Amino acid sequence: MLARAPQSLRSHVARVHISAPVRYAHGHGEYHFPGNKRAAFAVKLSAFLLAGFSIPFVAAVFQLKKAAA
């Protein structure tokens, strides 16, 4: 596409200086875990994820039992 562009556009593209990306812009630096309660966080996160994952299976069992009755 650039090959069909006018010469002025191609020369402008060649002159554009591309700067390196700014790391950690807007105050987003490396993430530091808050506190030393990693085990408690792991238990809570696991419970949250397992509860969300199990909802479709619980609903399927409920529907199958309802249809069998």
C-alpha atoms as a PDB file:
ATOM      1  CA  MET A   1       0.000   0.000   0.000  1.00  0.00           C
ATOM      2  CA  LEU A   2       2.858   2.338   0.746  1.00  0.00           C
ATOM      3  CA  ALA A   3       4.374   1.543  -2.646  1.00  0.00           C
ATOM      4  CA  ARG A   4       1.383   3.165  -4.373  1.00  0.00           C
ATOM      5  CA  ALA A   5       1.415   6.221  -2.108  1.00  0.00           C
ATOM      6  CA  PRO A   6       2.701   9.526  -3.442  1.00  0.00           C
ATOM      7  CA  GLN A   7       6.388  10.274  -3.048  1.00  0.00           C
ATOM      8  CA  SER A   8       5.711  13.036  -0.509  1.00  0.00           C
ATOM      9  CA  LEU A   9       3.916  10.602   1.809  1.00  0.00           C
ATOM     10  CA  ARG A  10       6.637   7.978   1.464  1.00  0.00           C
ATOM     11  CA  SER A  11       9.347  10.496   2.279  1.00  0.00           C
ATOM     12  CA  HIS A  12       7.354  11.724   5.293  1.00  0.00           C
ATOM     13  CA  VAL A  13       6.997   8.174   6.597  1.00  0.00           C
ATOM     14  CA  ALA A  14      10.730   7.667   6.222  1.00  0.00           C
ATOM     15  CA  ARG A  15      11.435  10.777   8.343  1.00  0.00           C
ATOM     16  CA  VAL A  16       9.052   9.918  11.211  1.00  0.00           C
ATOM     17  CA  HIS A  17      10.934   9.134  14.396  1.00  0.00           C
ATOM     18  CA  ILE A  18       9.452   6.256  16.360  1.00  0.00           C
ATOM     19  CA  SER A  19      10.171   6.493  20.055  1.00  0.00           C
ATOM     20  CA  ALA A  20      10.446   3.560  22.389  1.00  0.00           C
ATOM     21  CA  PRO A  21       7.272   2.701  24.337  1.00  0.00           C
ATOM     22  CA  VAL A  22       6.965   4.186  27.784  1.00  0.00           C
ATOM     23  CA  ARG A  23       7.004   1.456  30.372  1.00  0.00           C
ATOM     24  CA  TYR A  24       4.744   1.644  33.399  1.00  0.00           C
ATOM     25  CA  ALA A  25       2.845   4.644  32.083  1.00  0.00           C
ATOM     26  CA  HIS A  26       0.029   6.120  34.167  1.00  0.00           C
ATOM     27  CA  GLY A  27       1.416   4.774  37.424  1.00  0.00           C
ATOM     28  CA  HIS A  28       1.042   1.107  36.525  1.00  0.00           C
ATOM     29  CA  GLY A  29       4.263  -0.437  37.726  1.00  0.00           C
ATOM     30  CA  GLU A  30       5.072  -3.950  38.715  1.00  0.00           C
ATOM     31  CA  TYR A  31       2.426  -5.600  40.865  1.00  0.00           C
ATOM     32  CA  HIS A  32       3.414  -6.264  44.454  1.00  0.00           C
ATOM     33  CA  PHE A  33       1.236  -8.667  46.397  1.00  0.00           C
ATOM     34  CA  PRO A  34      -0.393  -6.844  49.317  1.00  0.00           C
ATOM     35  CA  GLY A  35       0.658  -8.487  52.534  1.00  0.00           C
ATOM     36  CA  ASN A  36       1.928 -11.900  53.507  1.00  0.00           C
ATOM     37  CA  LYS A  37      -1.409 -13.775  53.500  1.00  0.00           C
ATOM     38  CA  ARG A  38      -0.803 -15.759  50.338  1.00  0.00           C
ATOM     39  CA  ALA A  39      -2.388 -18.962  51.646  1.00  0.00           C
ATOM     40  CA  ALA A  40      -5.615 -17.183  52.606  1.00  0.00           C
ATOM     41  CA  PHE A  41      -5.708 -15.455  49.225  1.00  0.00           C
ATOM     42  CA  ALA A  42      -5.151 -18.784  47.452  1.00  0.00           C
ATOM     43  CA  VAL A  43      -8.023 -20.418  49.355  1.00  0.00           C
ATOM     44  CA  LYS A  44     -10.387 -17.524  48.632  1.00  0.00           C
ATOM     45  CA  LEU A  45      -9.417 -17.363  44.971  1.00  0.00           C
ATOM     46  CA  SER A  46      -9.811 -21.129  44.563  1.00  0.00           C
ATOM     47  CA  ALA A  47     -13.240 -21.051  46.206  1.00  0.00           C
ATOM     48  CA  PHE A  48     -14.330 -18.182  43.969  1.00  0.00           C
ATOM     49  CA  LEU A  49     -13.142 -19.864  40.770  1.00  0.00           C
ATOM     50  CA  LEU A  50     -14.525 -23.290  41.701  1.00  0.00           C
ATOM     51  CA  ALA A  51     -17.910 -21.809  42.594  1.00  0.00           C
ATOM     52  CA  GLY A  52     -18.136 -20.104  39.225  1.00  0.00           C
ATOM     53  CA  PHE A  53     -16.983 -23.204  37.368  1.00  0.00           C
ATOM     54  CA  SER A  54     -19.450 -25.492  39.161  1.00  0.00           C
ATOM     55  CA  ILE A  55     -22.596 -23.428  38.467  1.00  0.00           C
ATOM     56  CA  PRO A  56     -23.332 -25.013  35.035  1.00  0.00           C
ATOM     57  CA  PHE A  57     -22.890 -28.529  36.441  1.00  0.00           C
ATOM     58  CA  VAL A  58     -25.166 -27.841  39.397  1.00  0.00           C
ATOM     59  CA  ALA A  59     -27.759 -26.396  37.019  1.00  0.00           C
ATOM     60  CA  ALA A  60     -27.522 -29.453  34.765  1.00  0.00           C
ATOM     61  CA  VAL A  61     -28.011 -31.844  37.703  1.00  0.00           C
ATOM     62  CA  PHE A  62     -30.981 -29.774  38.879  1.00  0.00           C
ATOM     63  CA  GLN A  63     -32.573 -29.857  35.453  1.00  0.00           C
ATOM     64  CA  LEU A  64     -32.024 -33.616  35.090  1.00  0.00           C
ATOM     65  CA  LYS A  65     -33.574 -34.299  38.496  1.00  0.00           C
ATOM     66  CA  LYS A  66     -36.482 -32.011  37.710  1.00  0.00           C
ATOM     67  CA  ALA A  67     -37.126 -33.824  34.397  1.00  0.00           C
ATOM     68  CA  ALA A  68     -36.961 -37.255  36.045  1.00  0.00           C
ATOM     69  CA  ALA A  69     -39.594 -36.415  38.657  1.00  0.00           C
END
